[in-house]
N, C-alpha and C. Protein backbone atom coordinates (compact mmCIF):
# COMPACT_ATOMS: atom_id res chain seq x y z
N MET A 1 1.02 -2.78 42.78
CA MET A 1 2.39 -2.44 43.14
C MET A 1 3.33 -2.73 41.97
N LEU A 2 4.25 -1.81 41.71
CA LEU A 2 5.20 -1.98 40.62
C LEU A 2 6.22 -3.07 40.92
N ARG A 3 6.67 -3.75 39.88
CA ARG A 3 7.81 -4.65 39.99
C ARG A 3 9.08 -3.81 40.13
N THR A 4 10.18 -4.46 40.47
CA THR A 4 11.44 -3.76 40.68
C THR A 4 12.25 -3.70 39.39
N LEU A 5 12.71 -2.51 39.03
CA LEU A 5 13.58 -2.34 37.87
C LEU A 5 15.02 -2.57 38.30
N SER A 6 15.76 -3.37 37.56
CA SER A 6 17.13 -3.71 37.93
C SER A 6 18.01 -2.47 38.01
N ASN A 7 19.07 -2.55 38.79
CA ASN A 7 19.98 -1.43 38.97
C ASN A 7 21.07 -1.36 37.93
N SER A 8 21.10 -2.32 37.02
CA SER A 8 22.12 -2.34 35.97
C SER A 8 21.54 -1.85 34.65
N LEU A 9 22.41 -1.44 33.75
CA LEU A 9 21.97 -1.02 32.42
C LEU A 9 21.46 -2.21 31.62
N PRO A 10 20.46 -2.02 30.80
CA PRO A 10 19.98 -3.11 29.95
C PRO A 10 20.95 -3.36 28.79
N GLU A 11 20.92 -4.58 28.27
CA GLU A 11 21.69 -4.85 27.05
C GLU A 11 21.01 -4.24 25.83
N ALA A 12 19.69 -4.16 25.88
CA ALA A 12 18.94 -3.61 24.75
C ALA A 12 17.68 -2.96 25.27
N VAL A 13 17.19 -2.00 24.52
CA VAL A 13 15.91 -1.35 24.80
C VAL A 13 15.01 -1.55 23.59
N ILE A 14 13.84 -2.13 23.82
CA ILE A 14 12.89 -2.42 22.75
C ILE A 14 11.74 -1.41 22.84
N PHE A 15 11.54 -0.66 21.80
CA PHE A 15 10.52 0.38 21.74
C PHE A 15 9.26 -0.13 21.03
N ASP A 16 8.11 0.18 21.58
CA ASP A 16 6.90 0.18 20.78
C ASP A 16 7.00 1.41 19.87
N MET A 17 6.12 1.53 18.89
CA MET A 17 6.17 2.70 18.02
C MET A 17 4.95 3.60 18.18
N ASP A 18 3.76 3.06 17.92
CA ASP A 18 2.54 3.87 17.93
C ASP A 18 2.18 4.30 19.35
N GLY A 19 2.13 5.61 19.56
CA GLY A 19 1.79 6.13 20.87
C GLY A 19 2.99 6.29 21.79
N LEU A 20 4.15 5.76 21.38
CA LEU A 20 5.37 5.88 22.20
C LEU A 20 6.40 6.75 21.50
N ILE A 21 6.72 6.41 20.24
CA ILE A 21 7.64 7.23 19.45
C ILE A 21 6.88 8.34 18.73
N PHE A 22 5.73 7.98 18.17
CA PHE A 22 4.89 8.94 17.45
C PHE A 22 3.52 9.04 18.12
N ASP A 23 2.83 10.15 17.89
CA ASP A 23 1.48 10.30 18.43
C ASP A 23 0.43 9.69 17.49
N THR A 24 0.77 8.56 16.91
CA THR A 24 -0.09 7.90 15.93
C THR A 24 -1.40 7.41 16.53
N GLU A 25 -1.38 6.94 17.78
CA GLU A 25 -2.62 6.41 18.38
C GLU A 25 -3.71 7.47 18.40
N ALA A 26 -3.34 8.70 18.74
CA ALA A 26 -4.32 9.78 18.77
C ALA A 26 -4.90 10.04 17.38
N LEU A 27 -4.05 9.97 16.37
CA LEU A 27 -4.52 10.19 15.00
C LEU A 27 -5.41 9.04 14.54
N TYR A 28 -5.03 7.80 14.88
CA TYR A 28 -5.87 6.65 14.51
C TYR A 28 -7.25 6.79 15.16
N GLN A 29 -7.28 7.19 16.42
CA GLN A 29 -8.57 7.35 17.10
C GLN A 29 -9.39 8.46 16.44
N LYS A 30 -8.76 9.57 16.15
CA LYS A 30 -9.46 10.68 15.52
C LYS A 30 -10.05 10.25 14.18
N ALA A 31 -9.26 9.53 13.39
CA ALA A 31 -9.73 9.08 12.08
C ALA A 31 -10.88 8.09 12.22
N LEU A 32 -10.78 7.17 13.19
CA LEU A 32 -11.83 6.18 13.39
C LEU A 32 -13.14 6.83 13.80
N LEU A 33 -13.09 7.73 14.75
CA LEU A 33 -14.30 8.34 15.26
C LEU A 33 -14.94 9.29 14.23
N GLU A 34 -14.11 9.97 13.45
CA GLU A 34 -14.65 10.81 12.38
C GLU A 34 -15.36 9.96 11.33
N LEU A 35 -14.75 8.84 10.95
CA LEU A 35 -15.35 7.96 9.96
C LEU A 35 -16.66 7.36 10.47
N ALA A 36 -16.66 6.94 11.72
CA ALA A 36 -17.87 6.36 12.31
C ALA A 36 -19.00 7.40 12.34
N ASP A 37 -18.66 8.62 12.67
CA ASP A 37 -19.67 9.68 12.71
C ASP A 37 -20.20 9.96 11.30
N GLU A 38 -19.29 10.00 10.35
CA GLU A 38 -19.67 10.27 8.96
C GLU A 38 -20.61 9.20 8.42
N ARG A 39 -20.38 7.95 8.82
CA ARG A 39 -21.19 6.84 8.33
C ARG A 39 -22.32 6.47 9.29
N ARG A 40 -22.49 7.27 10.31
CA ARG A 40 -23.58 7.10 11.27
C ARG A 40 -23.55 5.72 11.95
N VAL A 41 -22.35 5.35 12.40
CA VAL A 41 -22.18 4.08 13.12
C VAL A 41 -22.10 4.39 14.61
N ALA A 42 -23.22 4.37 15.28
CA ALA A 42 -23.28 4.75 16.69
C ALA A 42 -22.58 3.75 17.60
N SER A 43 -22.38 2.53 17.12
CA SER A 43 -21.75 1.50 17.96
C SER A 43 -20.25 1.70 18.10
N ILE A 44 -19.63 2.51 17.24
CA ILE A 44 -18.20 2.82 17.35
C ILE A 44 -18.07 4.07 18.23
N THR A 45 -17.64 3.87 19.46
CA THR A 45 -17.57 4.93 20.45
C THR A 45 -16.12 5.19 20.88
N GLN A 46 -15.94 6.13 21.78
CA GLN A 46 -14.61 6.36 22.34
C GLN A 46 -14.10 5.11 23.03
N GLY A 47 -15.00 4.37 23.68
CA GLY A 47 -14.59 3.12 24.32
C GLY A 47 -14.05 2.12 23.32
N THR A 48 -14.68 2.05 22.15
CA THR A 48 -14.18 1.17 21.08
C THR A 48 -12.79 1.61 20.67
N ALA A 49 -12.63 2.91 20.45
CA ALA A 49 -11.34 3.44 20.04
C ALA A 49 -10.27 3.13 21.08
N ASP A 50 -10.60 3.25 22.36
CA ASP A 50 -9.64 2.96 23.42
C ASP A 50 -9.21 1.50 23.40
N ARG A 51 -10.11 0.60 23.04
CA ARG A 51 -9.78 -0.83 23.02
C ARG A 51 -8.85 -1.21 21.87
N THR A 52 -8.72 -0.32 20.89
CA THR A 52 -7.80 -0.61 19.78
C THR A 52 -6.35 -0.30 20.14
N VAL A 53 -6.14 0.46 21.21
CA VAL A 53 -4.78 0.91 21.56
C VAL A 53 -3.89 -0.29 21.91
N GLY A 54 -2.80 -0.43 21.17
CA GLY A 54 -1.87 -1.52 21.43
C GLY A 54 -2.33 -2.87 20.95
N LEU A 55 -3.45 -2.92 20.26
CA LEU A 55 -4.00 -4.19 19.77
C LEU A 55 -3.45 -4.47 18.38
N SER A 56 -3.19 -5.75 18.09
CA SER A 56 -2.74 -6.13 16.75
C SER A 56 -3.82 -5.81 15.73
N TRP A 57 -3.43 -5.75 14.45
CA TRP A 57 -4.43 -5.48 13.42
C TRP A 57 -5.45 -6.61 13.33
N GLY A 58 -5.01 -7.84 13.58
CA GLY A 58 -5.96 -8.95 13.60
C GLY A 58 -6.98 -8.79 14.71
N GLY A 59 -6.49 -8.39 15.88
CA GLY A 59 -7.39 -8.15 17.00
C GLY A 59 -8.31 -6.98 16.76
N THR A 60 -7.78 -5.93 16.11
CA THR A 60 -8.60 -4.76 15.80
C THR A 60 -9.69 -5.11 14.80
N ARG A 61 -9.36 -5.92 13.81
CA ARG A 61 -10.37 -6.34 12.83
C ARG A 61 -11.49 -7.12 13.52
N ALA A 62 -11.10 -8.03 14.42
CA ALA A 62 -12.11 -8.83 15.14
C ALA A 62 -13.00 -7.92 16.00
N LEU A 63 -12.39 -6.92 16.63
CA LEU A 63 -13.16 -5.97 17.45
C LEU A 63 -14.17 -5.20 16.60
N LEU A 64 -13.72 -4.69 15.46
CA LEU A 64 -14.61 -3.91 14.61
C LEU A 64 -15.70 -4.78 13.99
N LYS A 65 -15.37 -6.02 13.69
CA LYS A 65 -16.39 -6.92 13.14
C LYS A 65 -17.53 -7.12 14.14
N ARG A 66 -17.18 -7.14 15.43
CA ARG A 66 -18.21 -7.27 16.47
C ARG A 66 -19.02 -5.98 16.62
N GLU A 67 -18.37 -4.85 16.45
CA GLU A 67 -19.01 -3.57 16.73
C GLU A 67 -19.80 -3.01 15.54
N LEU A 68 -19.37 -3.31 14.32
CA LEU A 68 -20.03 -2.75 13.15
C LEU A 68 -21.36 -3.46 12.88
N PRO A 69 -22.33 -2.75 12.32
CA PRO A 69 -23.57 -3.42 11.89
C PRO A 69 -23.26 -4.57 10.92
N SER A 70 -24.07 -5.59 10.94
CA SER A 70 -23.78 -6.82 10.19
C SER A 70 -23.66 -6.60 8.69
N HIS A 71 -24.31 -5.56 8.14
CA HIS A 71 -24.26 -5.35 6.70
C HIS A 71 -23.01 -4.59 6.26
N PHE A 72 -22.17 -4.15 7.21
CA PHE A 72 -20.95 -3.43 6.86
C PHE A 72 -19.86 -4.40 6.42
N ASP A 73 -19.08 -3.98 5.44
CA ASP A 73 -17.88 -4.71 5.02
C ASP A 73 -16.73 -4.23 5.90
N VAL A 74 -16.30 -5.07 6.84
CA VAL A 74 -15.31 -4.64 7.82
C VAL A 74 -13.98 -4.26 7.17
N ASP A 75 -13.59 -4.99 6.13
CA ASP A 75 -12.31 -4.68 5.48
C ASP A 75 -12.37 -3.36 4.70
N GLU A 76 -13.51 -3.08 4.09
CA GLU A 76 -13.67 -1.79 3.42
C GLU A 76 -13.64 -0.66 4.44
N PHE A 77 -14.27 -0.88 5.58
CA PHE A 77 -14.29 0.13 6.64
C PHE A 77 -12.87 0.39 7.14
N ILE A 78 -12.11 -0.67 7.37
CA ILE A 78 -10.73 -0.51 7.84
C ILE A 78 -9.89 0.21 6.79
N GLY A 79 -10.12 -0.11 5.51
CA GLY A 79 -9.39 0.58 4.45
C GLY A 79 -9.68 2.07 4.44
N ALA A 80 -10.96 2.42 4.60
CA ALA A 80 -11.33 3.84 4.65
C ALA A 80 -10.73 4.51 5.88
N TRP A 81 -10.70 3.79 6.98
CA TRP A 81 -10.11 4.32 8.23
C TRP A 81 -8.63 4.60 8.04
N THR A 82 -7.89 3.63 7.52
CA THR A 82 -6.44 3.81 7.37
C THR A 82 -6.11 4.87 6.33
N ASP A 83 -6.93 4.98 5.27
CA ASP A 83 -6.72 6.04 4.29
C ASP A 83 -6.88 7.42 4.94
N ARG A 84 -7.90 7.54 5.80
CA ARG A 84 -8.12 8.81 6.49
C ARG A 84 -6.95 9.11 7.43
N TYR A 85 -6.48 8.07 8.14
CA TYR A 85 -5.33 8.25 9.03
C TYR A 85 -4.11 8.73 8.24
N GLU A 86 -3.82 8.09 7.11
CA GLU A 86 -2.65 8.45 6.32
C GLU A 86 -2.72 9.91 5.85
N ALA A 87 -3.91 10.34 5.49
CA ALA A 87 -4.07 11.73 5.06
C ALA A 87 -3.77 12.68 6.22
N MET A 88 -4.23 12.32 7.42
CA MET A 88 -3.96 13.15 8.60
C MET A 88 -2.47 13.15 8.95
N ALA A 89 -1.86 11.96 8.86
CA ALA A 89 -0.47 11.81 9.30
C ALA A 89 0.49 12.65 8.47
N GLN A 90 0.15 12.93 7.23
CA GLN A 90 1.03 13.75 6.38
C GLN A 90 1.27 15.12 6.99
N TYR A 91 0.31 15.62 7.76
CA TYR A 91 0.41 16.98 8.28
C TYR A 91 0.40 17.07 9.82
N GLU A 92 -0.11 16.02 10.48
CA GLU A 92 -0.35 16.13 11.92
C GLU A 92 0.52 15.21 12.77
N LEU A 93 1.35 14.38 12.16
CA LEU A 93 2.15 13.43 12.93
C LEU A 93 3.30 14.15 13.63
N HIS A 94 3.51 13.80 14.92
CA HIS A 94 4.59 14.41 15.70
C HIS A 94 5.34 13.35 16.50
N LEU A 95 6.61 13.65 16.80
CA LEU A 95 7.38 12.82 17.72
C LEU A 95 6.90 13.06 19.14
N LYS A 96 6.92 12.01 19.95
CA LYS A 96 6.60 12.16 21.36
C LYS A 96 7.81 12.74 22.10
N PRO A 97 7.59 13.42 23.21
CA PRO A 97 8.71 14.04 23.95
C PRO A 97 9.74 13.01 24.42
N GLY A 98 11.00 13.36 24.26
CA GLY A 98 12.10 12.55 24.79
C GLY A 98 12.66 11.51 23.85
N VAL A 99 12.09 11.33 22.67
CA VAL A 99 12.56 10.28 21.75
C VAL A 99 14.02 10.50 21.37
N ILE A 100 14.34 11.67 20.88
CA ILE A 100 15.70 11.93 20.41
C ILE A 100 16.70 11.88 21.56
N GLU A 101 16.33 12.47 22.69
CA GLU A 101 17.23 12.45 23.85
C GLU A 101 17.53 11.03 24.30
N LEU A 102 16.52 10.16 24.29
CA LEU A 102 16.73 8.78 24.71
C LEU A 102 17.60 8.03 23.71
N LEU A 103 17.35 8.20 22.43
CA LEU A 103 18.19 7.53 21.44
C LEU A 103 19.64 7.99 21.56
N ASP A 104 19.85 9.26 21.82
CA ASP A 104 21.21 9.78 21.97
C ASP A 104 21.93 9.10 23.14
N VAL A 105 21.25 9.00 24.29
CA VAL A 105 21.91 8.44 25.46
C VAL A 105 22.13 6.93 25.30
N LEU A 106 21.23 6.24 24.64
CA LEU A 106 21.42 4.80 24.41
C LEU A 106 22.60 4.56 23.47
N GLU A 107 22.70 5.36 22.43
CA GLU A 107 23.84 5.23 21.52
C GLU A 107 25.14 5.53 22.23
N ALA A 108 25.14 6.55 23.08
CA ALA A 108 26.36 6.92 23.81
C ALA A 108 26.84 5.80 24.71
N HIS A 109 25.91 4.98 25.22
CA HIS A 109 26.28 3.88 26.11
C HIS A 109 26.37 2.54 25.37
N GLY A 110 26.23 2.55 24.07
CA GLY A 110 26.36 1.33 23.29
C GLY A 110 25.26 0.32 23.55
N ILE A 111 24.07 0.80 23.89
CA ILE A 111 22.93 -0.08 24.18
C ILE A 111 22.12 -0.27 22.90
N ALA A 112 21.88 -1.53 22.54
CA ALA A 112 21.15 -1.85 21.32
C ALA A 112 19.72 -1.33 21.40
N ARG A 113 19.17 -1.00 20.23
CA ARG A 113 17.84 -0.41 20.15
C ARG A 113 17.03 -1.12 19.07
N ALA A 114 15.78 -1.44 19.38
CA ALA A 114 14.91 -2.10 18.41
C ALA A 114 13.50 -1.57 18.55
N ILE A 115 12.71 -1.79 17.51
CA ILE A 115 11.29 -1.47 17.52
C ILE A 115 10.50 -2.76 17.37
N ALA A 116 9.47 -2.91 18.21
CA ALA A 116 8.52 -4.02 18.08
C ALA A 116 7.14 -3.40 17.93
N THR A 117 6.64 -3.36 16.70
CA THR A 117 5.39 -2.67 16.42
C THR A 117 4.37 -3.57 15.75
N GLY A 118 3.11 -3.27 15.98
CA GLY A 118 2.04 -3.98 15.29
C GLY A 118 1.69 -3.35 13.97
N SER A 119 2.34 -2.24 13.62
CA SER A 119 2.09 -1.59 12.34
C SER A 119 2.73 -2.38 11.20
N TYR A 120 2.20 -2.17 10.00
CA TYR A 120 2.81 -2.77 8.82
C TYR A 120 4.18 -2.15 8.59
N ARG A 121 5.08 -2.94 8.02
CA ARG A 121 6.46 -2.49 7.85
C ARG A 121 6.55 -1.22 7.02
N ASP A 122 5.80 -1.13 5.92
CA ASP A 122 5.93 0.04 5.07
C ASP A 122 5.50 1.31 5.81
N VAL A 123 4.49 1.20 6.68
CA VAL A 123 4.06 2.35 7.46
C VAL A 123 5.14 2.75 8.46
N ALA A 124 5.68 1.76 9.16
CA ALA A 124 6.73 2.04 10.15
C ALA A 124 7.95 2.68 9.49
N LEU A 125 8.39 2.12 8.38
CA LEU A 125 9.58 2.66 7.70
C LEU A 125 9.33 4.07 7.19
N ARG A 126 8.14 4.32 6.69
CA ARG A 126 7.83 5.65 6.17
C ARG A 126 7.85 6.70 7.29
N HIS A 127 7.21 6.38 8.42
CA HIS A 127 7.20 7.33 9.53
C HIS A 127 8.61 7.57 10.07
N LEU A 128 9.38 6.50 10.21
CA LEU A 128 10.75 6.64 10.73
C LEU A 128 11.61 7.46 9.78
N ALA A 129 11.45 7.22 8.47
CA ALA A 129 12.23 7.97 7.49
C ALA A 129 11.88 9.45 7.50
N GLU A 130 10.60 9.76 7.69
CA GLU A 130 10.17 11.16 7.71
C GLU A 130 10.86 11.96 8.81
N PHE A 131 11.20 11.27 9.91
CA PHE A 131 11.83 11.95 11.04
C PHE A 131 13.32 11.58 11.17
N GLU A 132 13.88 11.00 10.11
CA GLU A 132 15.30 10.66 10.05
C GLU A 132 15.72 9.74 11.20
N LEU A 133 14.88 8.74 11.48
CA LEU A 133 15.16 7.81 12.57
C LEU A 133 15.50 6.41 12.10
N LEU A 134 15.47 6.16 10.81
CA LEU A 134 15.67 4.80 10.31
C LEU A 134 16.99 4.19 10.75
N GLY A 135 18.06 4.98 10.70
CA GLY A 135 19.38 4.45 11.03
C GLY A 135 19.66 4.36 12.51
N ARG A 136 18.69 4.68 13.36
CA ARG A 136 18.96 4.74 14.79
C ARG A 136 18.49 3.50 15.54
N PHE A 137 17.98 2.52 14.80
CA PHE A 137 17.53 1.26 15.41
C PHE A 137 18.26 0.09 14.76
N ASN A 138 18.64 -0.88 15.58
CA ASN A 138 19.34 -2.05 15.08
C ASN A 138 18.41 -3.08 14.46
N SER A 139 17.13 -3.01 14.81
CA SER A 139 16.16 -3.97 14.29
C SER A 139 14.77 -3.35 14.34
N ILE A 140 13.95 -3.72 13.36
CA ILE A 140 12.54 -3.29 13.35
C ILE A 140 11.69 -4.53 13.10
N VAL A 141 10.91 -4.90 14.10
CA VAL A 141 9.98 -6.02 13.97
C VAL A 141 8.59 -5.44 13.76
N ALA A 142 7.99 -5.76 12.61
CA ALA A 142 6.68 -5.22 12.24
C ALA A 142 5.65 -6.33 12.18
N LYS A 143 4.43 -5.97 11.79
CA LYS A 143 3.32 -6.91 11.75
C LYS A 143 3.66 -8.16 10.95
N GLU A 144 4.29 -7.97 9.80
CA GLU A 144 4.58 -9.10 8.91
C GLU A 144 5.57 -10.10 9.50
N ASP A 145 6.29 -9.70 10.54
CA ASP A 145 7.32 -10.56 11.12
C ASP A 145 6.79 -11.50 12.19
N CYS A 146 5.52 -11.39 12.53
CA CYS A 146 4.96 -12.17 13.64
C CYS A 146 3.69 -12.90 13.20
N VAL A 147 3.52 -14.09 13.74
CA VAL A 147 2.29 -14.84 13.49
C VAL A 147 1.18 -14.33 14.40
N ILE A 148 1.52 -14.08 15.66
CA ILE A 148 0.55 -13.60 16.64
C ILE A 148 1.09 -12.30 17.25
N GLY A 149 0.35 -11.21 17.05
CA GLY A 149 0.79 -9.92 17.54
C GLY A 149 0.43 -9.68 19.00
N LYS A 150 0.70 -8.47 19.45
CA LYS A 150 0.39 -8.08 20.83
C LYS A 150 -1.10 -8.26 21.09
N PRO A 151 -1.50 -8.72 22.27
CA PRO A 151 -0.75 -8.85 23.52
C PRO A 151 0.08 -10.14 23.69
N ALA A 152 0.17 -10.98 22.65
CA ALA A 152 1.06 -12.14 22.72
C ALA A 152 2.51 -11.65 22.75
N PRO A 153 3.44 -12.44 23.27
CA PRO A 153 4.82 -11.98 23.45
C PRO A 153 5.70 -12.05 22.21
N GLU A 154 5.18 -12.62 21.12
CA GLU A 154 6.04 -12.87 19.95
C GLU A 154 6.79 -11.63 19.44
N PRO A 155 6.17 -10.44 19.33
CA PRO A 155 6.94 -9.30 18.81
C PRO A 155 8.19 -8.98 19.63
N PHE A 156 8.10 -9.07 20.94
CA PHE A 156 9.26 -8.77 21.78
C PHE A 156 10.28 -9.91 21.78
N LEU A 157 9.80 -11.14 21.74
CA LEU A 157 10.73 -12.27 21.66
C LEU A 157 11.49 -12.25 20.34
N THR A 158 10.82 -11.90 19.27
CA THR A 158 11.48 -11.81 17.96
C THR A 158 12.53 -10.71 17.97
N SER A 159 12.20 -9.58 18.60
CA SER A 159 13.17 -8.49 18.70
C SER A 159 14.43 -8.91 19.44
N ALA A 160 14.25 -9.58 20.58
CA ALA A 160 15.41 -10.04 21.35
C ALA A 160 16.24 -11.04 20.56
N ALA A 161 15.57 -11.94 19.85
CA ALA A 161 16.29 -12.93 19.05
C ALA A 161 17.12 -12.27 17.95
N ARG A 162 16.57 -11.27 17.32
CA ARG A 162 17.30 -10.58 16.25
C ARG A 162 18.50 -9.81 16.79
N LEU A 163 18.38 -9.31 18.00
CA LEU A 163 19.49 -8.60 18.63
C LEU A 163 20.48 -9.54 19.30
N GLN A 164 20.10 -10.82 19.38
CA GLN A 164 20.92 -11.86 20.02
C GLN A 164 21.19 -11.52 21.49
N VAL A 165 20.11 -11.13 22.18
CA VAL A 165 20.19 -10.86 23.61
C VAL A 165 19.10 -11.64 24.33
N ASP A 166 19.32 -11.92 25.60
CA ASP A 166 18.29 -12.59 26.40
C ASP A 166 17.17 -11.60 26.71
N PRO A 167 15.92 -12.01 26.57
CA PRO A 167 14.82 -11.08 26.87
C PRO A 167 14.90 -10.48 28.26
N SER A 168 15.40 -11.24 29.23
CA SER A 168 15.46 -10.75 30.61
C SER A 168 16.44 -9.60 30.78
N SER A 169 17.33 -9.40 29.79
CA SER A 169 18.30 -8.30 29.87
C SER A 169 17.81 -7.06 29.13
N CYS A 170 16.55 -7.09 28.67
CA CYS A 170 16.00 -5.98 27.89
C CYS A 170 15.01 -5.15 28.70
N TRP A 171 14.99 -3.87 28.40
CA TRP A 171 13.91 -3.00 28.84
C TRP A 171 12.94 -2.86 27.68
N ALA A 172 11.67 -3.00 27.94
CA ALA A 172 10.64 -2.80 26.93
C ALA A 172 9.86 -1.54 27.26
N LEU A 173 9.73 -0.65 26.29
CA LEU A 173 9.04 0.62 26.49
C LEU A 173 7.72 0.58 25.75
N GLU A 174 6.64 0.79 26.49
CA GLU A 174 5.30 0.66 25.92
C GLU A 174 4.38 1.76 26.45
N ASP A 175 3.33 2.03 25.67
CA ASP A 175 2.33 3.01 26.11
C ASP A 175 0.99 2.36 26.41
N SER A 176 0.80 1.08 26.06
CA SER A 176 -0.53 0.47 26.15
C SER A 176 -0.55 -0.76 27.05
N ARG A 177 -1.74 -1.10 27.49
CA ARG A 177 -1.92 -2.30 28.31
C ARG A 177 -1.55 -3.55 27.54
N ASN A 178 -2.00 -3.63 26.26
CA ASN A 178 -1.69 -4.81 25.47
C ASN A 178 -0.19 -4.96 25.24
N GLY A 179 0.48 -3.83 25.03
CA GLY A 179 1.93 -3.88 24.83
C GLY A 179 2.67 -4.30 26.09
N ILE A 180 2.24 -3.81 27.23
CA ILE A 180 2.87 -4.20 28.49
C ILE A 180 2.69 -5.69 28.73
N ARG A 181 1.51 -6.21 28.47
CA ARG A 181 1.28 -7.65 28.63
C ARG A 181 2.20 -8.44 27.71
N SER A 182 2.35 -7.99 26.49
CA SER A 182 3.22 -8.66 25.53
C SER A 182 4.67 -8.69 26.02
N ALA A 183 5.18 -7.54 26.46
CA ALA A 183 6.57 -7.45 26.90
C ALA A 183 6.79 -8.24 28.19
N HIS A 184 5.85 -8.15 29.11
CA HIS A 184 5.97 -8.89 30.37
C HIS A 184 6.03 -10.38 30.11
N ASP A 185 5.15 -10.88 29.25
CA ASP A 185 5.11 -12.31 28.97
C ASP A 185 6.33 -12.77 28.18
N ALA A 186 7.04 -11.82 27.55
CA ALA A 186 8.30 -12.15 26.89
C ALA A 186 9.46 -12.22 27.87
N GLY A 187 9.21 -11.82 29.13
CA GLY A 187 10.24 -11.88 30.16
C GLY A 187 11.09 -10.64 30.26
N MET A 188 10.61 -9.52 29.73
CA MET A 188 11.39 -8.29 29.77
C MET A 188 10.99 -7.40 30.94
N GLU A 189 11.87 -6.48 31.30
CA GLU A 189 11.53 -5.45 32.28
C GLU A 189 10.72 -4.37 31.56
N THR A 190 9.57 -4.07 32.10
CA THR A 190 8.62 -3.23 31.37
C THR A 190 8.53 -1.82 31.96
N ILE A 191 8.58 -0.85 31.07
CA ILE A 191 8.43 0.56 31.44
C ILE A 191 7.27 1.12 30.63
N MET A 192 6.30 1.67 31.30
CA MET A 192 5.13 2.20 30.62
C MET A 192 5.13 3.72 30.61
N ILE A 193 4.92 4.28 29.43
CA ILE A 193 4.72 5.71 29.25
C ILE A 193 3.32 5.86 28.68
N PRO A 194 2.30 5.95 29.52
CA PRO A 194 0.91 5.96 29.02
C PRO A 194 0.68 7.09 28.02
N ASP A 195 -0.11 6.77 27.00
CA ASP A 195 -0.44 7.76 25.97
C ASP A 195 -1.89 8.20 26.12
N LEU A 196 -2.83 7.40 25.66
CA LEU A 196 -4.24 7.76 25.68
C LEU A 196 -5.02 7.09 26.81
N VAL A 197 -4.55 5.93 27.24
CA VAL A 197 -5.29 5.15 28.23
C VAL A 197 -4.40 4.89 29.44
N LEU A 198 -4.84 5.28 30.62
CA LEU A 198 -4.07 5.06 31.84
C LEU A 198 -4.10 3.58 32.22
N PRO A 199 -3.05 3.09 32.88
CA PRO A 199 -3.01 1.67 33.25
C PRO A 199 -3.98 1.35 34.37
N ASP A 200 -4.60 0.17 34.29
CA ASP A 200 -5.41 -0.31 35.40
C ASP A 200 -4.51 -1.04 36.39
N ALA A 201 -5.06 -1.52 37.48
CA ALA A 201 -4.26 -2.14 38.54
C ALA A 201 -3.52 -3.37 38.02
N ASP A 202 -4.16 -4.15 37.17
CA ASP A 202 -3.52 -5.35 36.63
C ASP A 202 -2.30 -4.98 35.78
N THR A 203 -2.42 -3.90 35.02
CA THR A 203 -1.29 -3.47 34.18
C THR A 203 -0.16 -2.92 35.03
N VAL A 204 -0.49 -2.12 36.04
CA VAL A 204 0.54 -1.58 36.94
C VAL A 204 1.37 -2.71 37.54
N ALA A 205 0.72 -3.81 37.89
CA ALA A 205 1.43 -4.94 38.51
C ALA A 205 2.43 -5.60 37.57
N LEU A 206 2.33 -5.32 36.26
CA LEU A 206 3.26 -5.90 35.29
C LEU A 206 4.40 -4.94 34.95
N CYS A 207 4.35 -3.73 35.49
CA CYS A 207 5.33 -2.68 35.15
C CYS A 207 6.43 -2.56 36.19
N CYS A 208 7.63 -2.20 35.71
CA CYS A 208 8.74 -1.88 36.61
C CYS A 208 8.85 -0.38 36.85
N HIS A 209 8.28 0.39 35.95
CA HIS A 209 8.29 1.85 36.10
C HIS A 209 7.18 2.41 35.22
N ILE A 210 6.54 3.47 35.69
CA ILE A 210 5.55 4.19 34.89
C ILE A 210 5.95 5.66 34.91
N GLY A 211 6.11 6.24 33.71
CA GLY A 211 6.58 7.61 33.63
C GLY A 211 5.68 8.48 32.77
N SER A 212 5.95 9.77 32.77
CA SER A 212 5.14 10.71 32.01
C SER A 212 5.67 10.94 30.60
N SER A 213 6.95 10.65 30.37
CA SER A 213 7.51 10.78 29.03
C SER A 213 8.80 9.96 28.96
N LEU A 214 9.34 9.82 27.75
CA LEU A 214 10.58 9.08 27.58
C LEU A 214 11.77 9.79 28.22
N LYS A 215 11.59 11.04 28.58
CA LYS A 215 12.67 11.75 29.28
C LYS A 215 12.97 11.08 30.62
N GLU A 216 11.98 10.43 31.22
CA GLU A 216 12.22 9.71 32.47
C GLU A 216 13.10 8.49 32.24
N VAL A 217 13.01 7.88 31.06
CA VAL A 217 13.87 6.73 30.75
C VAL A 217 15.31 7.19 30.59
N VAL A 218 15.49 8.41 30.04
CA VAL A 218 16.84 8.99 29.96
C VAL A 218 17.43 9.08 31.37
N ARG A 219 16.62 9.55 32.31
CA ARG A 219 17.10 9.68 33.69
C ARG A 219 17.44 8.31 34.28
N LEU A 220 16.62 7.30 34.01
CA LEU A 220 16.88 5.97 34.53
C LEU A 220 18.19 5.40 33.99
N ILE A 221 18.48 5.66 32.72
CA ILE A 221 19.75 5.22 32.13
C ILE A 221 20.91 5.95 32.79
N GLU A 222 20.79 7.24 32.92
CA GLU A 222 21.90 8.02 33.48
C GLU A 222 22.16 7.67 34.94
N GLU A 223 21.12 7.34 35.70
CA GLU A 223 21.31 6.93 37.09
C GLU A 223 22.10 5.64 37.19
N ARG A 224 22.07 4.81 36.16
CA ARG A 224 22.74 3.50 36.19
C ARG A 224 24.08 3.52 35.47
N SER A 225 24.49 4.67 34.99
CA SER A 225 25.73 4.77 34.23
C SER A 225 26.95 4.85 35.14
């Protein structure tokens, strides 16, 4: 059963990035599975790829270290994976539906906006700049800004602290189970827009709303205006 979303406007909205603003999760999965196939690593499956969604890079490295054959250099493999992703992203990266509409309505209502991502800062800034979104967020919390990434709450707590707002007055927008756990444990109201992996019952219980796109968040804001 879903938690209740408050009837008032939030002071701030904290966005995940990968799989929520951009379709990066799909590209990361495609790059991972192509690389695994090329190197004949049968242990890297779609299930492995699904477990990386919303996971910190530290958690992803630990996962791959368990899944890769013992003679593989996990860091070299990750480097080859991210290089392949970057090559794909130059031509295949797209905004998810509703991003611009939601940013417009949040700005119109004077609601602060931040990003809490597990991506490296240079990657986040590059993607945002490519789509002219850099100036539309008041804060960007990236991998380098946190000691412990998602599913721990630190990325969302850091975002709230930088915006100088109480976490309980924030809406957190996420596409992954790990991200929802992170935002919930930070004390925020959680809205899930699933990307590649549908929520299980435990994840649903941590959500205040589950929607098909960010356009539903636009509607939720307008209903409370």
